[in-house]
Amino acid sequence: MNVMPREPTREEINRIIEDFKNAVLRAEKARFDAVQLHCAHEYLLSEFLSPHTNRR
């Protein structure tokens, strides 16, 4: 797509954390029993788990 990947800034990471938190709160309000965080296949969360890609 002609877009060079880059590391997110600290502010962007904090915003992502808030977005996940708000999604869980919406699920709770909708009376879901649980939420599943998909951390595989190079999705964003898996990037934080891998020492290869997480340089923080």
PDB file of N, CA and C in Angstrom:
ATOM      1  N   MET A   1       0.824  -1.202   0.000  1.00  0.00           N
ATOM      2  CA  MET A   1       0.000   0.000   0.000  1.00  0.00           C
ATOM      3  C   MET A   1       0.861   1.257   0.000  1.00  0.00           C
ATOM      4  N   ASN A   2       2.155   1.080  -0.204  1.00  0.00           N
ATOM      5  CA  ASN A   2       3.087   2.208  -0.277  1.00  0.00           C
ATOM      6  C   ASN A   2       3.147   3.021   1.009  1.00  0.00           C
ATOM      7  N   VAL A   3       2.960   2.354   2.135  1.00  0.00           N
ATOM      8  CA  VAL A   3       3.064   3.024   3.434  1.00  0.00           C
ATOM      9  C   VAL A   3       4.183   2.350   4.218  1.00  0.00           C
ATOM     10  N   MET A   4       5.166   3.132   4.639  1.00  0.00           N
ATOM     11  CA  MET A   4       6.281   2.589   5.398  1.00  0.00           C
ATOM     12  C   MET A   4       5.870   2.454   6.865  1.00  0.00           C
ATOM     13  N   PRO A   5       5.957   1.239   7.439  1.00  0.00           N
ATOM     14  CA  PRO A   5       5.615   1.074   8.853  1.00  0.00           C
ATOM     15  C   PRO A   5       6.559   1.891   9.732  1.00  0.00           C
ATOM     16  N   ARG A   6       6.069   2.311  10.880  1.00  0.00           N
ATOM     17  CA  ARG A   6       6.883   3.067  11.828  1.00  0.00           C
ATOM     18  C   ARG A   6       6.451   2.708  13.237  1.00  0.00           C
ATOM     19  N   GLU A   7       7.313   2.978  14.180  1.00  0.00           N
ATOM     20  CA  GLU A   7       6.961   2.728  15.579  1.00  0.00           C
ATOM     21  C   GLU A   7       5.923   3.742  16.026  1.00  0.00           C
ATOM     22  N   PRO A   8       4.928   3.307  16.795  1.00  0.00           N
ATOM     23  CA  PRO A   8       3.966   4.271  17.326  1.00  0.00           C
ATOM     24  C   PRO A   8       4.618   5.119  18.414  1.00  0.00           C
ATOM     25  N   THR A   9       4.149   6.323  18.539  1.00  0.00           N
ATOM     26  CA  THR A   9       4.643   7.192  19.600  1.00  0.00           C
ATOM     27  C   THR A   9       4.045   6.748  20.932  1.00  0.00           C
ATOM     28  N   ARG A  10       4.596   7.246  22.006  1.00  0.00           N
ATOM     29  CA  ARG A  10       4.065   6.940  23.339  1.00  0.00           C
ATOM     30  C   ARG A  10       2.602   7.373  23.443  1.00  0.00           C
ATOM     31  N   GLU A  11       2.279   8.520  22.869  1.00  0.00           N
ATOM     32  CA  GLU A  11       0.901   9.013  22.896  1.00  0.00           C
ATOM     33  C   GLU A  11      -0.031   8.090  22.109  1.00  0.00           C
ATOM     34  N   GLU A  12       0.443   7.598  20.962  1.00  0.00           N
ATOM     35  CA  GLU A  12      -0.373   6.680  20.171  1.00  0.00           C
ATOM     36  C   GLU A  12      -0.598   5.370  20.924  1.00  0.00           C
ATOM     37  N   ILE A  13       0.426   4.881  21.596  1.00  0.00           N
ATOM     38  CA  ILE A  13       0.279   3.656  22.381  1.00  0.00           C
ATOM     39  C   ILE A  13      -0.726   3.875  23.505  1.00  0.00           C
ATOM     40  N   ASN A  14      -0.642   4.989  24.183  1.00  0.00           N
ATOM     41  CA  ASN A  14      -1.603   5.289  25.256  1.00  0.00           C
ATOM     42  C   ASN A  14      -3.024   5.379  24.703  1.00  0.00           C
ATOM     43  N   ARG A  15      -3.179   5.931  23.517  1.00  0.00           N
ATOM     44  CA  ARG A  15      -4.508   6.024  22.891  1.00  0.00           C
ATOM     45  C   ARG A  15      -5.045   4.620  22.560  1.00  0.00           C
ATOM     46  N   ILE A  16      -4.175   3.764  22.066  1.00  0.00           N
ATOM     47  CA  ILE A  16      -4.577   2.384  21.755  1.00  0.00           C
ATOM     48  C   ILE A  16      -5.021   1.669  23.025  1.00  0.00           C
ATOM     49  N   ILE A  17      -4.282   1.858  24.112  1.00  0.00           N
ATOM     50  CA  ILE A  17      -4.657   1.255  25.399  1.00  0.00           C
ATOM     51  C   ILE A  17      -6.035   1.738  25.821  1.00  0.00           C
ATOM     52  N   GLU A  18      -6.269   3.029  25.708  1.00  0.00           N
ATOM     53  CA  GLU A  18      -7.583   3.595  26.062  1.00  0.00           C
ATOM     54  C   GLU A  18      -8.681   3.028  25.162  1.00  0.00           C
ATOM     55  N   ASP A  19      -8.390   2.870  23.879  1.00  0.00           N
ATOM     56  CA  ASP A  19      -9.379   2.309  22.955  1.00  0.00           C
ATOM     57  C   ASP A  19      -9.747   0.878  23.344  1.00  0.00           C
ATOM     58  N   PHE A  20      -8.744   0.067  23.707  1.00  0.00           N
ATOM     59  CA  PHE A  20      -9.028  -1.300  24.148  1.00  0.00           C
ATOM     60  C   PHE A  20      -9.852  -1.278  25.435  1.00  0.00           C
ATOM     61  N   LYS A  21      -9.485  -0.408  26.361  1.00  0.00           N
ATOM     62  CA  LYS A  21     -10.229  -0.301  27.617  1.00  0.00           C
ATOM     63  C   LYS A  21     -11.684   0.081  27.353  1.00  0.00           C
ATOM     64  N   ASN A  22     -11.899   1.052  26.488  1.00  0.00           N
ATOM     65  CA  ASN A  22     -13.261   1.483  26.176  1.00  0.00           C
ATOM     66  C   ASN A  22     -14.056   0.383  25.479  1.00  0.00           C
ATOM     67  N   ALA A  23     -13.386  -0.412  24.645  1.00  0.00           N
ATOM     68  CA  ALA A  23     -14.075  -1.531  23.990  1.00  0.00           C
ATOM     69  C   ALA A  23     -14.538  -2.559  25.020  1.00  0.00           C
ATOM     70  N   VAL A  24     -13.695  -2.828  26.005  1.00  0.00           N
ATOM     71  CA  VAL A  24     -14.075  -3.774  27.064  1.00  0.00           C
ATOM     72  C   VAL A  24     -15.242  -3.216  27.873  1.00  0.00           C
ATOM     73  N   LEU A  25     -15.219  -1.937  28.155  1.00  0.00           N
ATOM     74  CA  LEU A  25     -16.322  -1.323  28.912  1.00  0.00           C
ATOM     75  C   LEU A  25     -17.633  -1.397  28.124  1.00  0.00           C
ATOM     76  N   ARG A  26     -17.555  -1.216  26.805  1.00  0.00           N
ATOM     77  CA  ARG A  26     -18.759  -1.344  25.975  1.00  0.00           C
ATOM     78  C   ARG A  26     -19.271  -2.782  25.982  1.00  0.00           C
ATOM     79  N   ALA A  27     -18.356  -3.737  25.916  1.00  0.00           N
ATOM     80  CA  ALA A  27     -18.755  -5.147  25.959  1.00  0.00           C
ATOM     81  C   ALA A  27     -19.410  -5.468  27.298  1.00  0.00           C
ATOM     82  N   GLU A  28     -18.842  -4.949  28.372  1.00  0.00           N
ATOM     83  CA  GLU A  28     -19.418  -5.166  29.699  1.00  0.00           C
ATOM     84  C   GLU A  28     -20.816  -4.548  29.779  1.00  0.00           C
ATOM     85  N   LYS A  29     -20.957  -3.360  29.248  1.00  0.00           N
ATOM     86  CA  LYS A  29     -22.262  -2.688  29.261  1.00  0.00           C
ATOM     87  C   LYS A  29     -23.291  -3.462  28.435  1.00  0.00           C
ATOM     88  N   ALA A  30     -22.820  -4.126  27.376  1.00  0.00           N
ATOM     89  CA  ALA A  30     -23.702  -4.941  26.537  1.00  0.00           C
ATOM     90  C   ALA A  30     -23.953  -6.319  27.143  1.00  0.00           C
ATOM     91  N   ARG A  31     -23.401  -6.544  28.337  1.00  0.00           N
ATOM     92  CA  ARG A  31     -23.604  -7.763  29.119  1.00  0.00           C
ATOM     93  C   ARG A  31     -22.925  -9.000  28.517  1.00  0.00           C
ATOM     94  N   PHE A  32     -21.814  -8.775  27.816  1.00  0.00           N
ATOM     95  CA  PHE A  32     -21.015  -9.905  27.365  1.00  0.00           C
ATOM     96  C   PHE A  32     -20.330 -10.528  28.567  1.00  0.00           C
ATOM     97  N   ASP A  33     -20.091 -11.830  28.508  1.00  0.00           N
ATOM     98  CA  ASP A  33     -19.431 -12.544  29.600  1.00  0.00           C
ATOM     99  C   ASP A  33     -17.920 -12.356  29.583  1.00  0.00           C
ATOM    100  N   ALA A  34     -17.353 -12.156  28.408  1.00  0.00           N
ATOM    101  CA  ALA A  34     -15.894 -12.072  28.289  1.00  0.00           C
ATOM    102  C   ALA A  34     -15.528 -11.393  26.974  1.00  0.00           C
ATOM    103  N   VAL A  35     -14.285 -11.023  26.880  1.00  0.00           N
ATOM    104  CA  VAL A  35     -13.718 -10.547  25.619  1.00  0.00           C
ATOM    105  C   VAL A  35     -12.454 -11.353  25.351  1.00  0.00           C
ATOM    106  N   GLN A  36     -12.116 -11.511  24.093  1.00  0.00           N
ATOM    107  CA  GLN A  36     -10.916 -12.247  23.720  1.00  0.00           C
ATOM    108  C   GLN A  36      -9.968 -11.298  22.995  1.00  0.00           C
ATOM    109  N   LEU A  37      -8.738 -11.250  23.451  1.00  0.00           N
ATOM    110  CA  LEU A  37      -7.726 -10.448  22.778  1.00  0.00           C
ATOM    111  C   LEU A  37      -6.950 -11.364  21.836  1.00  0.00           C
ATOM    112  N   HIS A  38      -7.012 -11.059  20.574  1.00  0.00           N
ATOM    113  CA  HIS A  38      -6.335 -11.880  19.564  1.00  0.00           C
ATOM    114  C   HIS A  38      -4.903 -11.372  19.421  1.00  0.00           C
ATOM    115  N   CYS A  39      -3.954 -12.178  19.843  1.00  0.00           N
ATOM    116  CA  CYS A  39      -2.549 -11.762  19.865  1.00  0.00           C
ATOM    117  C   CYS A  39      -1.689 -12.618  18.944  1.00  0.00           C
ATOM    118  N   ALA A  40      -2.210 -13.019  17.821  1.00  0.00           N
ATOM    119  CA  ALA A  40      -1.448 -13.868  16.912  1.00  0.00           C
ATOM    120  C   ALA A  40      -1.398 -13.246  15.523  1.00  0.00           C
ATOM    121  N   HIS A  41      -0.650 -13.885  14.653  1.00  0.00           N
ATOM    122  CA  HIS A  41      -0.618 -13.541  13.225  1.00  0.00           C
ATOM    123  C   HIS A  41      -0.197 -12.101  12.960  1.00  0.00           C
ATOM    124  N   GLU A  42       0.709 -11.605  13.787  1.00  0.00           N
ATOM    125  CA  GLU A  42       1.288 -10.274  13.615  1.00  0.00           C
ATOM    126  C   GLU A  42       0.281  -9.134  13.732  1.00  0.00           C
ATOM    127  N   TYR A  43      -0.808  -9.383  14.457  1.00  0.00           N
ATOM    128  CA  TYR A  43      -1.685  -8.272  14.796  1.00  0.00           C
ATOM    129  C   TYR A  43      -0.961  -7.374  15.788  1.00  0.00           C
ATOM    130  N   LEU A  44      -1.477  -6.207  16.038  1.00  0.00           N
ATOM    131  CA  LEU A  44      -0.780  -5.215  16.851  1.00  0.00           C
ATOM    132  C   LEU A  44      -0.340  -5.756  18.204  1.00  0.00           C
ATOM    133  N   LEU A  45      -1.204  -6.444  18.910  1.00  0.00           N
ATOM    134  CA  LEU A  45      -0.832  -6.912  20.248  1.00  0.00           C
ATOM    135  C   LEU A  45       0.338  -7.887  20.210  1.00  0.00           C
ATOM    136  N   SER A  46       0.423  -8.696  19.174  1.00  0.00           N
ATOM    137  CA  SER A  46       1.543  -9.632  19.098  1.00  0.00           C
ATOM    138  C   SER A  46       2.864  -8.907  18.907  1.00  0.00           C
ATOM    139  N   GLU A  47       2.820  -7.737  18.328  1.00  0.00           N
ATOM    140  CA  GLU A  47       4.045  -6.952  18.156  1.00  0.00           C
ATOM    141  C   GLU A  47       4.645  -6.553  19.506  1.00  0.00           C
ATOM    142  N   PHE A  48       3.816  -6.371  20.508  1.00  0.00           N
ATOM    143  CA  PHE A  48       4.298  -6.016  21.842  1.00  0.00           C
ATOM    144  C   PHE A  48       4.838  -7.232  22.588  1.00  0.00           C
ATOM    145  N   LEU A  49       4.438  -8.429  22.182  1.00  0.00           N
ATOM    146  CA  LEU A  49       4.863  -9.645  22.871  1.00  0.00           C
ATOM    147  C   LEU A  49       6.188 -10.182  22.352  1.00  0.00           C
ATOM    148  N   SER A  50       6.549  -9.845  21.140  1.00  0.00           N
ATOM    149  CA  SER A  50       7.730 -10.410  20.517  1.00  0.00           C
ATOM    150  C   SER A  50       8.973  -9.554  20.784  1.00  0.00           C
ATOM    151  N   PRO A  51      10.054 -10.139  21.288  1.00  0.00           N
ATOM    152  CA  PRO A  51      11.291  -9.370  21.457  1.00  0.00           C
ATOM    153  C   PRO A  51      11.887  -8.961  20.119  1.00  0.00           C
ATOM    154  N   HIS A  52      11.475  -9.620  19.055  1.00  0.00           N
ATOM    155  CA  HIS A  52      11.962  -9.270  17.729  1.00  0.00           C
ATOM    156  C   HIS A  52      11.411  -7.919  17.263  1.00  0.00           C
ATOM    157  N   THR A  53      10.163  -7.650  17.587  1.00  0.00           N
ATOM    158  CA  THR A  53       9.534  -6.398  17.121  1.00  0.00           C
ATOM    159  C   THR A  53       9.338  -5.381  18.224  1.00  0.00           C
ATOM    160  N   ASN A  54       9.352  -5.809  19.473  1.00  0.00           N
ATOM    161  CA  ASN A  54       9.146  -4.872  20.585  1.00  0.00           C
ATOM    162  C   ASN A  54      10.493  -4.371  21.065  1.00  0.00           C
ATOM    163  N   ARG A  55      10.811  -3.150  20.738  1.00  0.00           N
ATOM    164  CA  ARG A  55      12.092  -2.573  21.120  1.00  0.00           C
ATOM    165  C   ARG A  55      11.927  -1.512  22.208  1.00  0.00           C
ATOM    166  N   ARG A  56      10.832  -1.597  22.946  1.00  0.00           N
ATOM    167  CA  ARG A  56      10.564  -0.608  23.982  1.00  0.00           C
ATOM    168  C   ARG A  56      11.265  -0.986  25.254  1.00  0.00           C
TER     169      ARG A  56
END
